[in-house]
Amino acid sequence: MFTSRDGGVSRAPFDSFNLGDHVRDEPMDVAANRARLSGAIGARPVFLKQVHGTDVVLLEETTTDGAEADACVSDQSGLACTIMVADCLPVLFAHASGRVVAAAHAGWRGLAAGVLERCFERYVQAVQRFEPGASPADVAANTWSWLGPCIGPHAFEVGPEVKQAFVAQDPAAESCFEAAPGVASKFLADLSTLARRRLKGLGLHDPQGNDGSPRWCTVSQTSSFFSHRRDAVALGSTGRMAACIWIAD
């Protein structure tokens, strides 16, 4: 599931289905929205304290909200791997067996630092607990992956240090950047394609979801999505959406 900004109780500028408890929204409204999410999916969404890093948490019944990490893995039913976003890219994974799922928060910093690779490594380890002989390639061949909405390639203006962070590791990533029109030393970055390159390197060749087209762009789809880049300066803050994946009972 990926939530939109509709269907909650929060007031502007968090209207209405804000799930972030760190954006100055009323705590009771956030709690009500999170309860609605849990009721809708029939599972407990586990919210992380995301810091644009690469740490991964294995969810258990005792796992509470607020663990500092940017990815999570679950092999237990009833616990939803949950990633909050408002321009960054959420990436979801599920094994064909239905026994392991995972989710990662891939902003440019985490993506460049290897959050998808770290998440997939822990995910593979979880699969190997019930398929001891499975290699990472075997696991990748039996994994579905999905990219959620994020800031689109025509809205994501970045500096040369962002381009260098990717091109230094993968020279072919040059193709994911183009000069920003009318702005010296700035580039437009294609975050979803950068993530697809990383997933392909892991053996995941057919990710579903975000293809970089305008309908997936959090900045341009004002009525559907929160966007930090679009709203934070003008409105003082913005809400958070969530991508969730879980094993049903």
Protein backbone atom coordinates (compact mmCIF):
# COMPACT_ATOMS: atom_id res chain seq x y z
CA MET A 1 0.00 0.00 0.00
CA PHE A 2 1.04 3.57 -0.67
CA THR A 3 -1.06 6.23 1.04
CA SER A 4 -2.10 9.52 -0.52
CA ARG A 5 -2.70 12.75 1.37
CA ASP A 6 -6.45 12.10 1.46
CA GLY A 7 -8.62 10.32 4.01
CA GLY A 8 -7.34 11.55 7.36
CA VAL A 9 -8.13 14.09 10.05
CA SER A 10 -5.12 16.45 10.00
CA ARG A 11 -5.61 20.12 9.25
CA ALA A 12 -3.66 22.31 6.81
CA PRO A 13 -0.86 22.22 5.87
CA PHE A 14 -0.97 18.54 6.88
CA ASP A 15 -4.36 17.91 5.31
CA SER A 16 -5.38 15.36 5.72
CA PHE A 17 -3.76 11.94 6.00
CA ASN A 18 -0.40 12.90 7.48
CA LEU A 19 1.45 10.00 9.11
CA GLY A 20 4.57 11.85 10.27
CA ASP A 21 4.86 12.58 14.00
CA HIS A 22 7.86 14.89 13.54
CA VAL A 23 6.41 17.62 11.31
CA ARG A 24 4.54 19.80 13.86
CA ASP A 25 1.15 18.24 13.21
CA GLU A 26 -1.14 17.69 16.20
CA PRO A 27 -0.08 14.43 17.90
CA MET A 28 -3.66 13.27 18.36
CA ASP A 29 -4.38 13.76 14.66
CA VAL A 30 -1.29 11.79 13.68
CA ALA A 31 -2.28 9.00 16.08
CA ALA A 32 -5.77 8.91 14.58
CA ASN A 33 -4.36 8.72 11.05
CA ARG A 34 -1.99 5.92 12.02
CA ALA A 35 -4.87 4.03 13.60
CA ARG A 36 -6.84 4.40 10.36
CA LEU A 37 -3.90 3.00 8.41
CA SER A 38 -3.58 0.02 10.72
CA GLY A 39 -7.30 -0.68 10.45
CA ALA A 40 -7.22 -0.43 6.67
CA ILE A 41 -4.39 -2.93 6.20
CA GLY A 42 -5.18 -5.28 9.08
CA ALA A 43 -1.61 -5.13 10.36
CA ARG A 44 0.53 -2.99 12.66
CA PRO A 45 2.62 -0.49 10.68
CA VAL A 46 6.04 -0.13 12.33
CA PHE A 47 7.30 3.43 11.91
CA LEU A 48 11.04 4.04 11.84
CA LYS A 49 13.09 7.11 12.73
CA GLN A 50 14.53 7.66 9.27
CA VAL A 51 17.88 9.46 9.09
CA HIS A 52 18.96 9.00 5.44
CA GLY A 53 21.33 6.22 6.46
CA THR A 54 21.71 2.53 5.66
CA ASP A 55 20.76 0.72 8.89
CA VAL A 56 18.23 -2.10 8.57
CA VAL A 57 15.90 -3.45 11.28
CA LEU A 58 14.46 -6.97 11.38
CA LEU A 59 10.91 -6.49 12.65
CA GLU A 60 9.67 -8.62 15.53
CA GLU A 61 6.57 -8.54 17.72
CA THR A 62 8.55 -6.58 20.31
CA THR A 63 9.74 -3.94 17.82
CA THR A 64 8.31 -0.54 18.70
CA ASP A 65 8.05 2.61 16.63
CA GLY A 66 11.08 4.89 16.52
CA ALA A 67 13.97 2.54 15.76
CA GLU A 68 16.65 4.56 13.97
CA ALA A 69 16.93 2.94 10.56
CA ASP A 70 16.08 3.51 6.91
CA ALA A 71 15.02 0.01 5.98
CA CYS A 72 13.29 -2.96 7.56
CA VAL A 73 12.65 -6.64 6.90
CA SER A 74 9.87 -8.86 8.22
CA ASP A 75 9.22 -12.60 8.18
CA GLN A 76 6.29 -12.40 10.60
CA SER A 77 2.66 -11.85 9.75
CA GLY A 78 0.82 -8.83 11.05
CA LEU A 79 3.79 -6.43 11.03
CA ALA A 80 3.94 -3.94 8.17
CA CYS A 81 7.33 -2.73 6.98
CA THR A 82 6.61 0.99 6.72
CA ILE A 83 8.55 3.82 5.07
CA MET A 84 7.46 7.45 5.33
CA VAL A 85 8.19 9.79 2.43
CA ALA A 86 7.47 13.24 1.07
CA ASP A 87 9.84 13.29 -1.96
CA CYS A 88 12.27 10.46 -1.20
CA LEU A 89 11.75 7.11 -2.90
CA PRO A 90 10.20 4.12 -1.09
CA VAL A 91 11.25 0.69 -2.37
CA LEU A 92 9.35 -2.48 -1.42
CA PHE A 93 10.41 -6.13 -1.74
CA ALA A 94 8.47 -9.41 -1.45
CA HIS A 95 9.60 -13.00 -1.88
CA ALA A 96 7.53 -15.32 -4.06
CA SER A 97 7.08 -17.66 -1.10
CA GLY A 98 5.11 -14.96 0.71
CA ARG A 99 7.31 -15.45 3.78
CA VAL A 100 9.60 -12.39 3.68
CA VAL A 101 9.00 -8.73 2.84
CA ALA A 102 11.15 -5.60 3.13
CA ALA A 103 11.04 -1.84 2.62
CA ALA A 104 13.70 0.83 2.15
CA HIS A 105 13.82 4.64 2.30
CA ALA A 106 15.90 5.77 -0.67
CA GLY A 107 16.57 9.47 -0.70
CA TRP A 108 19.67 10.38 -2.66
CA ARG A 109 21.96 10.17 0.37
CA GLY A 110 20.79 6.74 1.42
CA LEU A 111 20.70 5.49 -2.15
CA ALA A 112 24.28 6.62 -2.80
CA ALA A 113 25.42 5.15 0.53
CA GLY A 114 23.95 1.72 -0.28
CA VAL A 115 20.64 1.48 1.58
CA LEU A 116 19.13 -0.78 -1.10
CA GLU A 117 22.13 -3.09 -1.01
CA ARG A 118 22.06 -3.28 2.79
CA CYS A 119 18.32 -3.89 2.83
CA PHE A 120 18.58 -6.63 0.21
CA GLU A 121 21.43 -8.29 2.12
CA ARG A 122 19.30 -8.54 5.27
CA TYR A 123 16.32 -9.63 3.19
CA VAL A 124 18.37 -12.45 1.64
CA GLN A 125 19.47 -13.57 5.10
CA ALA A 126 15.82 -13.73 6.16
CA VAL A 127 14.93 -15.86 3.13
CA GLN A 128 17.88 -18.18 3.79
CA ARG A 129 16.45 -18.97 7.22
CA PHE A 130 13.85 -21.16 5.50
CA GLU A 131 15.75 -21.75 2.22
CA PRO A 132 19.29 -22.47 3.51
CA GLY A 133 20.79 -23.17 0.09
CA ALA A 134 19.43 -20.09 -1.65
CA SER A 135 22.04 -17.78 -3.13
CA PRO A 136 21.46 -14.03 -3.49
CA ALA A 137 20.87 -14.65 -7.20
CA ASP A 138 18.27 -17.32 -6.40
CA VAL A 139 16.52 -14.94 -4.01
CA ALA A 140 16.59 -12.08 -6.54
CA ALA A 141 15.05 -14.34 -9.19
CA ASN A 142 12.11 -14.96 -6.86
CA THR A 143 11.66 -11.39 -5.62
CA TRP A 144 9.09 -8.78 -6.64
CA SER A 145 10.17 -5.16 -6.17
CA TRP A 146 8.21 -1.92 -6.42
CA LEU A 147 9.17 1.75 -6.50
CA GLY A 148 6.72 4.26 -5.07
CA PRO A 149 6.12 7.93 -5.87
CA CYS A 150 9.00 10.36 -5.34
CA ILE A 151 10.25 13.70 -6.59
CA GLY A 152 10.28 13.46 -10.38
CA PRO A 153 13.19 13.94 -12.81
CA HIS A 154 11.96 17.38 -13.90
CA ALA A 155 11.68 18.66 -10.32
CA PHE A 156 14.73 17.24 -8.55
CA GLU A 157 17.37 19.95 -8.89
CA VAL A 158 20.67 18.99 -7.25
CA GLY A 159 24.23 20.22 -6.97
CA PRO A 160 27.34 18.66 -8.54
CA GLU A 161 28.16 16.81 -5.30
CA VAL A 162 25.03 14.67 -5.73
CA LYS A 163 25.96 13.75 -9.29
CA GLN A 164 29.52 12.97 -8.22
CA ALA A 165 28.30 10.68 -5.41
CA PHE A 166 26.68 8.40 -7.98
CA VAL A 167 28.99 8.73 -10.97
CA ALA A 168 32.06 7.97 -8.83
CA GLN A 169 30.56 4.53 -8.13
CA ASP A 170 28.87 3.97 -11.49
CA PRO A 171 30.08 6.08 -14.43
CA ALA A 172 27.03 5.06 -16.46
CA ALA A 173 24.85 6.86 -13.90
CA GLU A 174 25.81 10.02 -15.80
CA SER A 175 22.75 9.33 -17.94
CA CYS A 176 20.50 9.95 -14.90
CA PHE A 177 21.52 13.62 -14.73
CA GLU A 178 20.98 16.51 -17.11
CA ALA A 179 21.93 20.15 -16.84
CA ALA A 180 19.24 22.22 -15.13
CA PRO A 181 17.98 24.81 -17.63
CA GLY A 182 19.10 28.32 -16.79
CA VAL A 183 20.89 27.35 -13.57
CA ALA A 184 24.68 27.13 -13.65
CA SER A 185 26.29 24.09 -11.97
CA LYS A 186 22.94 22.48 -11.18
CA PHE A 187 21.50 19.24 -12.49
CA LEU A 188 18.14 17.51 -12.72
CA ALA A 189 18.40 14.03 -11.20
CA ASP A 190 16.26 11.00 -12.03
CA LEU A 191 15.96 9.34 -8.63
CA SER A 192 13.80 6.40 -9.71
CA THR A 193 16.16 5.47 -12.56
CA LEU A 194 19.15 5.71 -10.22
CA ALA A 195 17.35 3.25 -7.93
CA ARG A 196 16.53 0.95 -10.84
CA ARG A 197 20.23 0.80 -11.71
CA ARG A 198 21.02 -0.25 -8.14
CA LEU A 199 18.29 -2.90 -8.18
CA LYS A 200 19.53 -4.27 -11.49
CA GLY A 201 22.96 -4.64 -9.91
CA LEU A 202 21.33 -6.84 -7.26
CA GLY A 203 19.74 -9.05 -9.90
CA LEU A 204 16.30 -7.43 -9.74
CA HIS A 205 15.67 -6.69 -13.40
CA ASP A 206 11.98 -5.79 -13.55
CA PRO A 207 10.96 -3.43 -10.73
CA GLN A 208 7.32 -2.35 -10.86
CA GLY A 209 5.86 1.06 -10.11
CA ASN A 210 7.52 4.42 -10.58
CA ASP A 211 8.76 4.87 -14.15
CA GLY A 212 9.68 8.53 -13.80
CA SER A 213 6.53 9.82 -15.50
CA PRO A 214 4.70 12.87 -14.10
CA ARG A 215 1.92 10.87 -12.40
CA TRP A 216 4.51 9.46 -9.95
CA CYS A 217 5.99 12.87 -9.07
CA THR A 218 5.29 14.02 -5.52
CA VAL A 219 6.08 17.64 -6.41
CA SER A 220 3.74 18.01 -9.38
CA GLN A 221 0.80 15.92 -8.10
CA THR A 222 -0.30 18.49 -5.52
CA SER A 223 -3.71 17.06 -4.69
CA SER A 224 -2.43 13.50 -4.20
CA PHE A 225 0.97 13.79 -2.51
CA PHE A 226 2.82 15.71 0.16
CA SER A 227 6.12 17.20 -1.00
CA HIS A 228 8.78 18.63 1.27
CA ARG A 229 10.50 20.47 -1.56
CA ARG A 230 7.26 22.00 -2.81
CA ASP A 231 5.66 22.91 0.52
CA ALA A 232 8.20 23.26 3.33
CA VAL A 233 9.35 26.80 2.54
CA ALA A 234 5.95 28.17 1.53
CA LEU A 235 3.88 26.47 4.24
CA GLY A 236 6.46 25.94 6.98
CA SER A 237 6.17 22.16 6.84
CA THR A 238 4.42 19.30 5.12
CA GLY A 239 2.99 15.88 5.91
CA ARG A 240 4.31 12.40 5.23
CA MET A 241 2.87 9.52 3.24
CA ALA A 242 3.71 5.88 3.85
CA ALA A 243 4.58 2.84 1.78
CA CYS A 244 3.69 -0.41 3.55
CA ILE A 245 4.21 -4.08 2.82
CA TRP A 246 3.26 -6.93 5.12
CA ILE A 247 2.56 -10.65 5.35
CA ALA A 248 -1.14 -11.26 5.87
CA ASP A 249 -2.32 -13.64 8.59
